[in-house]
Amino acid sequence: MEIKGTIVQVNPVETVGKNNFKKSTIWIETADQYPQTIEIEFVKDKADEIQSLALGTNITVQININGRKWTSSEGVTKVFNSIQGWRYETDF
C-alpha cells in the first residue's frame, strides 16, 4: 500500500527497550477532498534517515498496516494498529 501527502511534522528519533530499538514518525497531510493527517512510523536506520526530510515536502510512502491484540488484567481485549513506512519517494 502507499500513502501520498505533504510532510507537516518530523518527530525526533526515540530509542526504546533494552536493545536500543530506534523509531521515529512523520505526519503527512493527504490532498483528498477531506484531508487527513496520518502518522507513519519508521524504524531502525529509516528512523535516522527521515530526520533530513523538510516540512512541506510532497512524499509517497510505501506502508504496512500492523495490528495486535492486547488483553488487560481486567480481561478487556483491545486491538492496536500501527502504520509503518518502509520506503518513500519525495516530490511526486
PDB file of N, CA and C in Angstrom:
ATOM      1  N   MET A   1       0.838  -1.170   0.000  1.00  0.00           N
ATOM      2  CA  MET A   1       0.000   0.000   0.000  1.00  0.00           C
ATOM      3  C   MET A   1       0.888   1.239   0.000  1.00  0.00           C
ATOM      4  N   GLU A   2       0.291   2.349  -0.411  1.00  0.00           N
ATOM      5  CA  GLU A   2       1.029   3.596  -0.346  1.00  0.00           C
ATOM      6  C   GLU A   2       0.114   4.740   0.064  1.00  0.00           C
ATOM      7  N   ILE A   3       0.724   5.753   0.654  1.00  0.00           N
ATOM      8  CA  ILE A   3       0.031   6.981   1.038  1.00  0.00           C
ATOM      9  C   ILE A   3       0.814   8.143   0.451  1.00  0.00           C
ATOM     10  N   LYS A   4       0.084   9.104  -0.146  1.00  0.00           N
ATOM     11  CA  LYS A   4       0.711  10.309  -0.680  1.00  0.00           C
ATOM     12  C   LYS A   4       0.237  11.504   0.116  1.00  0.00           C
ATOM     13  N   GLY A   5       1.139  12.443   0.339  1.00  0.00           N
ATOM     14  CA  GLY A   5       0.764  13.645   1.056  1.00  0.00           C
ATOM     15  C   GLY A   5       1.929  14.596   1.187  1.00  0.00           C
ATOM     16  N   THR A   6       1.747  15.578   2.062  1.00  0.00           N
ATOM     17  CA  THR A   6       2.752  16.589   2.333  1.00  0.00           C
ATOM     18  C   THR A   6       3.197  16.456   3.786  1.00  0.00           C
ATOM     19  N   ILE A   7       4.499  16.504   4.013  1.00  0.00           N
ATOM     20  CA  ILE A   7       5.033  16.368   5.367  1.00  0.00           C
ATOM     21  C   ILE A   7       4.686  17.616   6.181  1.00  0.00           C
ATOM     22  N   VAL A   8       4.029  17.408   7.323  1.00  0.00           N
ATOM     23  CA  VAL A   8       3.689  18.524   8.210  1.00  0.00           C
ATOM     24  C   VAL A   8       4.439  18.449   9.538  1.00  0.00           C
ATOM     25  N   GLN A   9       5.065  17.303   9.836  1.00  0.00           N
ATOM     26  CA  GLN A   9       5.870  17.201  11.050  1.00  0.00           C
ATOM     27  C   GLN A   9       6.820  16.009  10.936  1.00  0.00           C
ATOM     28  N   VAL A  10       8.043  16.194  11.430  1.00  0.00           N
ATOM     29  CA  VAL A  10       9.018  15.111  11.554  1.00  0.00           C
ATOM     30  C   VAL A  10       9.383  15.051  13.038  1.00  0.00           C
ATOM     31  N   ASN A  11       9.131  13.916  13.654  1.00  0.00           N
ATOM     32  CA  ASN A  11       9.371  13.777  15.090  1.00  0.00           C
ATOM     33  C   ASN A  11      10.759  13.193  15.359  1.00  0.00           C
ATOM     34  N   PRO A  12      11.358  13.538  16.493  1.00  0.00           N
ATOM     35  CA  PRO A  12      12.709  13.066  16.816  1.00  0.00           C
ATOM     36  C   PRO A  12      12.767  11.541  16.963  1.00  0.00           C
ATOM     37  N   VAL A  13      13.967  11.019  16.793  1.00  0.00           N
ATOM     38  CA  VAL A  13      14.209   9.587  16.972  1.00  0.00           C
ATOM     39  C   VAL A  13      14.082   9.244  18.454  1.00  0.00           C
ATOM     40  N   GLU A  14      13.389   8.136  18.730  1.00  0.00           N
ATOM     41  CA  GLU A  14      13.283   7.597  20.086  1.00  0.00           C
ATOM     42  C   GLU A  14      14.028   6.270  20.137  1.00  0.00           C
ATOM     43  N   THR A  15      14.701   6.029  21.238  1.00  0.00           N
ATOM     44  CA  THR A  15      15.344   4.742  21.467  1.00  0.00           C
ATOM     45  C   THR A  15      14.581   4.062  22.589  1.00  0.00           C
ATOM     46  N   VAL A  16      14.085   2.856  22.316  1.00  0.00           N
ATOM     47  CA  VAL A  16      13.249   2.151  23.296  1.00  0.00           C
ATOM     48  C   VAL A  16      13.772   0.748  23.558  1.00  0.00           C
ATOM     49  N   GLY A  17      13.482   0.255  24.739  1.00  0.00           N
ATOM     50  CA  GLY A  17      13.826  -1.121  25.091  1.00  0.00           C
ATOM     51  C   GLY A  17      15.298  -1.309  25.400  1.00  0.00           C
ATOM     52  N   LYS A  18      15.597  -2.491  25.910  1.00  0.00           N
ATOM     53  CA  LYS A  18      16.981  -2.788  26.292  1.00  0.00           C
ATOM     54  C   LYS A  18      17.886  -3.043  25.091  1.00  0.00           C
ATOM     55  N   ASN A  19      17.292  -3.237  23.913  1.00  0.00           N
ATOM     56  CA  ASN A  19      18.084  -3.438  22.695  1.00  0.00           C
ATOM     57  C   ASN A  19      18.328  -2.139  21.927  1.00  0.00           C
ATOM     58  N   ASN A  20      17.948  -0.989  22.547  1.00  0.00           N
ATOM     59  CA  ASN A  20      18.122   0.322  21.903  1.00  0.00           C
ATOM     60  C   ASN A  20      17.478   0.374  20.519  1.00  0.00           C
ATOM     61  N   PHE A  21      16.258  -0.113  20.420  1.00  0.00           N
ATOM     62  CA  PHE A  21      15.482  -0.108  19.179  1.00  0.00           C
ATOM     63  C   PHE A  21      15.113   1.332  18.832  1.00  0.00           C
ATOM     64  N   LYS A  22      15.427   1.778  17.600  1.00  0.00           N
ATOM     65  CA  LYS A  22      15.164   3.153  17.186  1.00  0.00           C
ATOM     66  C   LYS A  22      13.892   3.244  16.352  1.00  0.00           C
ATOM     67  N   LYS A  23      13.112   4.306  16.635  1.00  0.00           N
ATOM     68  CA  LYS A  23      11.926   4.563  15.841  1.00  0.00           C
ATOM     69  C   LYS A  23      11.674   6.069  15.796  1.00  0.00           C
ATOM     70  N   SER A  24      10.962   6.489  14.753  1.00  0.00           N
ATOM     71  CA  SER A  24      10.572   7.884  14.595  1.00  0.00           C
ATOM     72  C   SER A  24       9.327   7.923  13.730  1.00  0.00           C
ATOM     73  N   THR A  25       8.630   9.047  13.765  1.00  0.00           N
ATOM     74  CA  THR A  25       7.419   9.181  12.954  1.00  0.00           C
ATOM     75  C   THR A  25       7.428  10.485  12.180  1.00  0.00           C
ATOM     76  N   ILE A  26       6.694  10.466  11.073  1.00  0.00           N
ATOM     77  CA  ILE A  26       6.374  11.696  10.358  1.00  0.00           C
ATOM     78  C   ILE A  26       4.861  11.796  10.295  1.00  0.00           C
ATOM     79  N   TRP A  27       4.373  13.014  10.178  1.00  0.00           N
ATOM     80  CA  TRP A  27       2.957  13.257   9.940  1.00  0.00           C
ATOM     81  C   TRP A  27       2.842  13.790   8.537  1.00  0.00           C
ATOM     82  N   ILE A  28       1.947  13.191   7.749  1.00  0.00           N
ATOM     83  CA  ILE A  28       1.682  13.729   6.420  1.00  0.00           C
ATOM     84  C   ILE A  28       0.206  14.075   6.311  1.00  0.00           C
ATOM     85  N   GLU A  29      -0.068  15.100   5.520  1.00  0.00           N
ATOM     86  CA  GLU A  29      -1.447  15.507   5.262  1.00  0.00           C
ATOM     87  C   GLU A  29      -1.773  15.156   3.826  1.00  0.00           C
ATOM     88  N   THR A  30      -2.854  14.412   3.645  1.00  0.00           N
ATOM     89  CA  THR A  30      -3.255  13.992   2.304  1.00  0.00           C
ATOM     90  C   THR A  30      -3.923  15.155   1.571  1.00  0.00           C
ATOM     91  N   ALA A  31      -3.992  15.036   0.258  1.00  0.00           N
ATOM     92  CA  ALA A  31      -4.597  16.085  -0.569  1.00  0.00           C
ATOM     93  C   ALA A  31      -5.998  15.687  -1.019  1.00  0.00           C
ATOM     94  N   ASP A  32      -6.666  14.865  -0.243  1.00  0.00           N
ATOM     95  CA  ASP A  32      -8.017  14.416  -0.565  1.00  0.00           C
ATOM     96  C   ASP A  32      -9.023  15.557  -0.415  1.00  0.00           C
ATOM     97  N   GLN A  33     -10.254  15.301  -0.842  1.00  0.00           N
ATOM     98  CA  GLN A  33     -11.312  16.295  -0.666  1.00  0.00           C
ATOM     99  C   GLN A  33     -11.451  16.652   0.816  1.00  0.00           C
ATOM    100  N   TYR A  34     -11.323  15.655   1.670  1.00  0.00           N
ATOM    101  CA  TYR A  34     -11.327  15.858   3.115  1.00  0.00           C
ATOM    102  C   TYR A  34      -9.952  15.415   3.623  1.00  0.00           C
ATOM    103  N   PRO A  35      -8.974  16.337   3.648  1.00  0.00           N
ATOM    104  CA  PRO A  35      -7.597  15.963   4.004  1.00  0.00           C
ATOM    105  C   PRO A  35      -7.513  15.262   5.357  1.00  0.00           C
ATOM    106  N   GLN A  36      -6.633  14.294   5.418  1.00  0.00           N
ATOM    107  CA  GLN A  36      -6.380  13.526   6.636  1.00  0.00           C
ATOM    108  C   GLN A  36      -4.928  13.742   7.053  1.00  0.00           C
ATOM    109  N   THR A  37      -4.679  13.792   8.346  1.00  0.00           N
ATOM    110  CA  THR A  37      -3.312  13.810   8.856  1.00  0.00           C
ATOM    111  C   THR A  37      -3.011  12.411   9.361  1.00  0.00           C
ATOM    112  N   ILE A  38      -1.973  11.796   8.781  1.00  0.00           N
ATOM    113  CA  ILE A  38      -1.628  10.402   9.063  1.00  0.00           C
ATOM    114  C   ILE A  38      -0.229  10.349   9.673  1.00  0.00           C
ATOM    115  N   GLU A  39      -0.086   9.619  10.778  1.00  0.00           N
ATOM    116  CA  GLU A  39       1.227   9.414  11.387  1.00  0.00           C
ATOM    117  C   GLU A  39       1.787   8.092  10.871  1.00  0.00           C
ATOM    118  N   ILE A  40       3.030   8.139  10.373  1.00  0.00           N
ATOM    119  CA  ILE A  40       3.686   6.949   9.827  1.00  0.00           C
ATOM    120  C   ILE A  40       4.985   6.733  10.590  1.00  0.00           C
ATOM    121  N   GLU A  41       5.163   5.512  11.077  1.00  0.00           N
ATOM    122  CA  GLU A  41       6.344   5.160  11.866  1.00  0.00           C
ATOM    123  C   GLU A  41       7.420   4.544  10.982  1.00  0.00           C
ATOM    124  N   PHE A  42       8.668   4.920  11.251  1.00  0.00           N
ATOM    125  CA  PHE A  42       9.832   4.314  10.599  1.00  0.00           C
ATOM    126  C   PHE A  42      10.740   3.778  11.696  1.00  0.00           C
ATOM    127  N   VAL A  43      11.395   2.655  11.437  1.00  0.00           N
ATOM    128  CA  VAL A  43      12.233   2.024  12.453  1.00  0.00           C
ATOM    129  C   VAL A  43      13.655   1.814  11.946  1.00  0.00           C
ATOM    130  N   LYS A  44      14.540   1.524  12.889  1.00  0.00           N
ATOM    131  CA  LYS A  44      15.954   1.230  12.643  1.00  0.00           C
ATOM    132  C   LYS A  44      16.620   2.359  11.864  1.00  0.00           C
ATOM    133  N   ASP A  45      17.338   2.051  10.776  1.00  0.00           N
ATOM    134  CA  ASP A  45      18.076   3.067  10.010  1.00  0.00           C
ATOM    135  C   ASP A  45      17.156   4.105   9.378  1.00  0.00           C
ATOM    136  N   LYS A  46      15.949   3.708   9.001  1.00  0.00           N
ATOM    137  CA  LYS A  46      14.996   4.650   8.393  1.00  0.00           C
ATOM    138  C   LYS A  46      14.593   5.743   9.378  1.00  0.00           C
ATOM    139  N   ALA A  47      14.600   5.443  10.683  1.00  0.00           N
ATOM    140  CA  ALA A  47      14.261   6.447  11.698  1.00  0.00           C
ATOM    141  C   ALA A  47      15.239   7.614  11.635  1.00  0.00           C
ATOM    142  N   ASP A  48      16.520   7.314  11.471  1.00  0.00           N
ATOM    143  CA  ASP A  48      17.531   8.372  11.326  1.00  0.00           C
ATOM    144  C   ASP A  48      17.398   9.069   9.977  1.00  0.00           C
ATOM    145  N   GLU A  49      17.160   8.292   8.938  1.00  0.00           N
ATOM    146  CA  GLU A  49      17.101   8.817   7.572  1.00  0.00           C
ATOM    147  C   GLU A  49      16.012   9.876   7.393  1.00  0.00           C
ATOM    148  N   ILE A  50      14.853   9.672   8.001  1.00  0.00           N
ATOM    149  CA  ILE A  50      13.753  10.622   7.794  1.00  0.00           C
ATOM    150  C   ILE A  50      13.979  11.960   8.496  1.00  0.00           C
ATOM    151  N   GLN A  51      14.970  12.040   9.367  1.00  0.00           N
ATOM    152  CA  GLN A  51      15.233  13.294  10.078  1.00  0.00           C
ATOM    153  C   GLN A  51      15.632  14.425   9.127  1.00  0.00           C
ATOM    154  N   SER A  52      16.120  14.071   7.949  1.00  0.00           N
ATOM    155  CA  SER A  52      16.546  15.094   6.986  1.00  0.00           C
ATOM    156  C   SER A  52      15.403  15.583   6.096  1.00  0.00           C
ATOM    157  N   LEU A  53      14.207  15.010   6.238  1.00  0.00           N
ATOM    158  CA  LEU A  53      13.074  15.430   5.414  1.00  0.00           C
ATOM    159  C   LEU A  53      12.573  16.800   5.865  1.00  0.00           C
ATOM    160  N   ALA A  54      12.248  17.650   4.895  1.00  0.00           N
ATOM    161  CA  ALA A  54      11.808  19.013   5.195  1.00  0.00           C
ATOM    162  C   ALA A  54      10.287  19.107   5.239  1.00  0.00           C
ATOM    163  N   LEU A  55       9.800  19.954   6.125  1.00  0.00           N
ATOM    164  CA  LEU A  55       8.365  20.222   6.176  1.00  0.00           C
ATOM    165  C   LEU A  55       7.925  20.804   4.844  1.00  0.00           C
ATOM    166  N   GLY A  56       6.728  20.437   4.399  1.00  0.00           N
ATOM    167  CA  GLY A  56       6.198  20.916   3.128  1.00  0.00           C
ATOM    168  C   GLY A  56       6.575  20.072   1.934  1.00  0.00           C
ATOM    169  N   THR A  57       7.423  19.057   2.147  1.00  0.00           N
ATOM    170  CA  THR A  57       7.844  18.169   1.055  1.00  0.00           C
ATOM    171  C   THR A  57       6.707  17.219   0.699  1.00  0.00           C
ATOM    172  N   ASN A  58       6.448  17.067  -0.596  1.00  0.00           N
ATOM    173  CA  ASN A  58       5.489  16.059  -1.058  1.00  0.00           C
ATOM    174  C   ASN A  58       6.166  14.698  -1.006  1.00  0.00           C
ATOM    175  N   ILE A  59       5.437  13.690  -0.521  1.00  0.00           N
ATOM    176  CA  ILE A  59       6.038  12.381  -0.294  1.00  0.00           C
ATOM    177  C   ILE A  59       5.037  11.274  -0.612  1.00  0.00           C
ATOM    178  N   THR A  60       5.556  10.183  -1.136  1.00  0.00           N
ATOM    179  CA  THR A  60       4.803   8.940  -1.317  1.00  0.00           C
ATOM    180  C   THR A  60       5.485   7.899  -0.446  1.00  0.00           C
ATOM    181  N   VAL A  61       4.732   7.269   0.450  1.00  0.00           N
ATOM    182  CA  VAL A  61       5.299   6.309   1.389  1.00  0.00           C
ATOM    183  C   VAL A  61       4.668   4.940   1.161  1.00  0.00           C
ATOM    184  N   GLN A  62       5.521   3.933   1.005  1.00  0.00           N
ATOM    185  CA  GLN A  62       5.074   2.546   0.965  1.00  0.00           C
ATOM    186  C   GLN A  62       4.905   2.097   2.411  1.00  0.00           C
ATOM    187  N   ILE A  63       3.731   1.538   2.730  1.00  0.00           N
ATOM    188  CA  ILE A  63       3.426   1.223   4.126  1.00  0.00           C
ATOM    189  C   ILE A  63       2.956  -0.215   4.327  1.00  0.00           C
ATOM    190  N   ASN A  64       3.070  -0.649   5.547  1.00  0.00           N
ATOM    191  CA  ASN A  64       2.420  -1.857   6.043  1.00  0.00           C
ATOM    192  C   ASN A  64       1.519  -1.425   7.187  1.00  0.00           C
ATOM    193  N   ILE A  65       0.351  -2.007   7.276  1.00  0.00           N
ATOM    194  CA  ILE A  65      -0.547  -1.758   8.399  1.00  0.00           C
ATOM    195  C   ILE A  65      -0.486  -2.982   9.300  1.00  0.00           C
ATOM    196  N   ASN A  66      -0.130  -2.750  10.558  1.00  0.00           N
ATOM    197  CA  ASN A  66       0.031  -3.835  11.517  1.00  0.00           C
ATOM    198  C   ASN A  66      -1.001  -3.698  12.623  1.00  0.00           C
ATOM    199  N   GLY A  67      -1.444  -4.816  13.159  1.00  0.00           N
ATOM    200  CA  GLY A  67      -2.394  -4.806  14.272  1.00  0.00           C
ATOM    201  C   GLY A  67      -2.057  -5.907  15.255  1.00  0.00           C
ATOM    202  N   ARG A  68      -2.343  -5.640  16.517  1.00  0.00           N
ATOM    203  CA  ARG A  68      -2.102  -6.659  17.540  1.00  0.00           C
ATOM    204  C   ARG A  68      -3.159  -6.549  18.637  1.00  0.00           C
ATOM    205  N   LYS A  69      -3.533  -7.699  19.163  1.00  0.00           N
ATOM    206  CA  LYS A  69      -4.489  -7.739  20.266  1.00  0.00           C
ATOM    207  C   LYS A  69      -3.743  -7.660  21.590  1.00  0.00           C
ATOM    208  N   TRP A  70      -4.415  -7.047  22.571  1.00  0.00           N
ATOM    209  CA  TRP A  70      -3.871  -6.952  23.914  1.00  0.00           C
ATOM    210  C   TRP A  70      -5.021  -7.118  24.881  1.00  0.00           C
ATOM    211  N   THR A  71      -4.800  -7.906  25.926  1.00  0.00           N
ATOM    212  CA  THR A  71      -5.823  -8.110  26.955  1.00  0.00           C
ATOM    213  C   THR A  71      -5.311  -7.563  28.280  1.00  0.00           C
ATOM    214  N   SER A  72      -6.103  -6.688  28.891  1.00  0.00           N
ATOM    215  CA  SER A  72      -5.734  -6.084  30.179  1.00  0.00           C
ATOM    216  C   SER A  72      -5.881  -7.103  31.297  1.00  0.00           C
ATOM    217  N   SER A  73      -5.381  -6.741  32.463  1.00  0.00           N
ATOM    218  CA  SER A  73      -5.504  -7.629  33.619  1.00  0.00           C
ATOM    219  C   SER A  73      -6.961  -7.793  34.059  1.00  0.00           C
ATOM    220  N   GLU A  74      -7.830  -6.864  33.606  1.00  0.00           N
ATOM    221  CA  GLU A  74      -9.264  -6.962  33.904  1.00  0.00           C
ATOM    222  C   GLU A  74     -10.007  -7.813  32.876  1.00  0.00           C
ATOM    223  N   GLY A  75      -9.287  -8.311  31.865  1.00  0.00           N
ATOM    224  CA  GLY A  75      -9.906  -9.157  30.857  1.00  0.00           C
ATOM    225  C   GLY A  75     -10.475  -8.423  29.660  1.00  0.00           C
ATOM    226  N   VAL A  76     -10.226  -7.117  29.564  1.00  0.00           N
ATOM    227  CA  VAL A  76     -10.704  -6.323  28.424  1.00  0.00           C
ATOM    228  C   VAL A  76      -9.694  -6.451  27.287  1.00  0.00           C
ATOM    229  N   THR A  77     -10.174  -6.870  26.118  1.00  0.00           N
ATOM    230  CA  THR A  77      -9.304  -7.036  24.959  1.00  0.00           C
ATOM    231  C   THR A  77      -9.463  -5.857  24.018  1.00  0.00           C
ATOM    232  N   LYS A  78      -8.337  -5.331  23.554  1.00  0.00           N
ATOM    233  CA  LYS A  78      -8.309  -4.226  22.598  1.00  0.00           C
ATOM    234  C   LYS A  78      -7.391  -4.591  21.453  1.00  0.00           C
ATOM    235  N   VAL A  79      -7.553  -3.878  20.344  1.00  0.00           N
ATOM    236  CA  VAL A  79      -6.670  -4.035  19.195  1.00  0.00           C
ATOM    237  C   VAL A  79      -5.963  -2.709  18.966  1.00  0.00           C
ATOM    238  N   PHE A  80      -4.645  -2.762  18.805  1.00  0.00           N
ATOM    239  CA  PHE A  80      -3.841  -1.588  18.499  1.00  0.00           C
ATOM    240  C   PHE A  80      -3.323  -1.716  17.074  1.00  0.00           C
ATOM    241  N   ASN A  81      -3.437  -0.642  16.298  1.00  0.00           N
ATOM    242  CA  ASN A  81      -2.973  -0.623  14.914  1.00  0.00           C
ATOM    243  C   ASN A  81      -1.814   0.348  14.765  1.00  0.00           C
ATOM    244  N   SER A  82      -0.928   0.053  13.818  1.00  0.00           N
ATOM    245  CA  SER A  82       0.159   0.975  13.506  1.00  0.00           C
ATOM    246  C   SER A  82       0.379   0.982  11.998  1.00  0.00           C
ATOM    247  N   ILE A  83       0.860   2.105  11.519  1.00  0.00           N
ATOM    248  CA  ILE A  83       1.195   2.265  10.105  1.00  0.00           C
ATOM    249  C   ILE A  83       2.704   2.432  10.042  1.00  0.00           C
ATOM    250  N   GLN A  84       3.367   1.481   9.390  1.00  0.00           N
ATOM    251  CA  GLN A  84       4.825   1.502   9.344  1.00  0.00           C
ATOM    252  C   GLN A  84       5.306   1.716   7.912  1.00  0.00           C
ATOM    253  N   GLY A  85       6.123   2.748   7.730  1.00  0.00           N
ATOM    254  CA  GLY A  85       6.709   3.020   6.422  1.00  0.00           C
ATOM    255  C   GLY A  85       7.971   2.220   6.226  1.00  0.00           C
ATOM    256  N   TRP A  86       8.206   1.777   4.986  1.00  0.00           N
ATOM    257  CA  TRP A  86       9.423   1.019   4.731  1.00  0.00           C
ATOM    258  C   TRP A  86      10.192   1.555   3.523  1.00  0.00           C
ATOM    259  N   ARG A  87       9.550   2.410   2.724  1.00  0.00           N
ATOM    260  CA  ARG A  87      10.231   3.068   1.605  1.00  0.00           C
ATOM    261  C   ARG A  87       9.452   4.331   1.288  1.00  0.00           C
ATOM    262  N   TYR A  88      10.165   5.356   0.796  1.00  0.00           N
ATOM    263  CA  TYR A  88       9.484   6.587   0.416  1.00  0.00           C
ATOM    264  C   TYR A  88      10.191   7.260  -0.749  1.00  0.00           C
ATOM    265  N   GLU A  89       9.417   8.092  -1.448  1.00  0.00           N
ATOM    266  CA  GLU A  89       9.936   8.936  -2.523  1.00  0.00           C
ATOM    267  C   GLU A  89       9.387  10.329  -2.295  1.00  0.00           C
ATOM    268  N   THR A  90      10.197  11.346  -2.556  1.00  0.00           N
ATOM    269  CA  THR A  90       9.755  12.722  -2.352  1.00  0.00           C
ATOM    270  C   THR A  90       9.500  13.394  -3.693  1.00  0.00           C
ATOM    271  N   ASP A  91       8.746  14.503  -3.625  1.00  0.00           N
ATOM    272  CA  ASP A  91       8.451  15.349  -4.781  1.00  0.00           C
ATOM    273  C   ASP A  91       7.749  14.597  -5.916  1.00  0.00           C
ATOM    274  N   PHE A  92       6.559  14.064  -5.626  1.00  0.00           N
ATOM    275  CA  PHE A  92       5.793  13.383  -6.668  1.00  0.00           C
ATOM    276  C   PHE A  92       5.092  14.373  -7.556  1.00  0.00           C
TER     277      PHE A  92
END
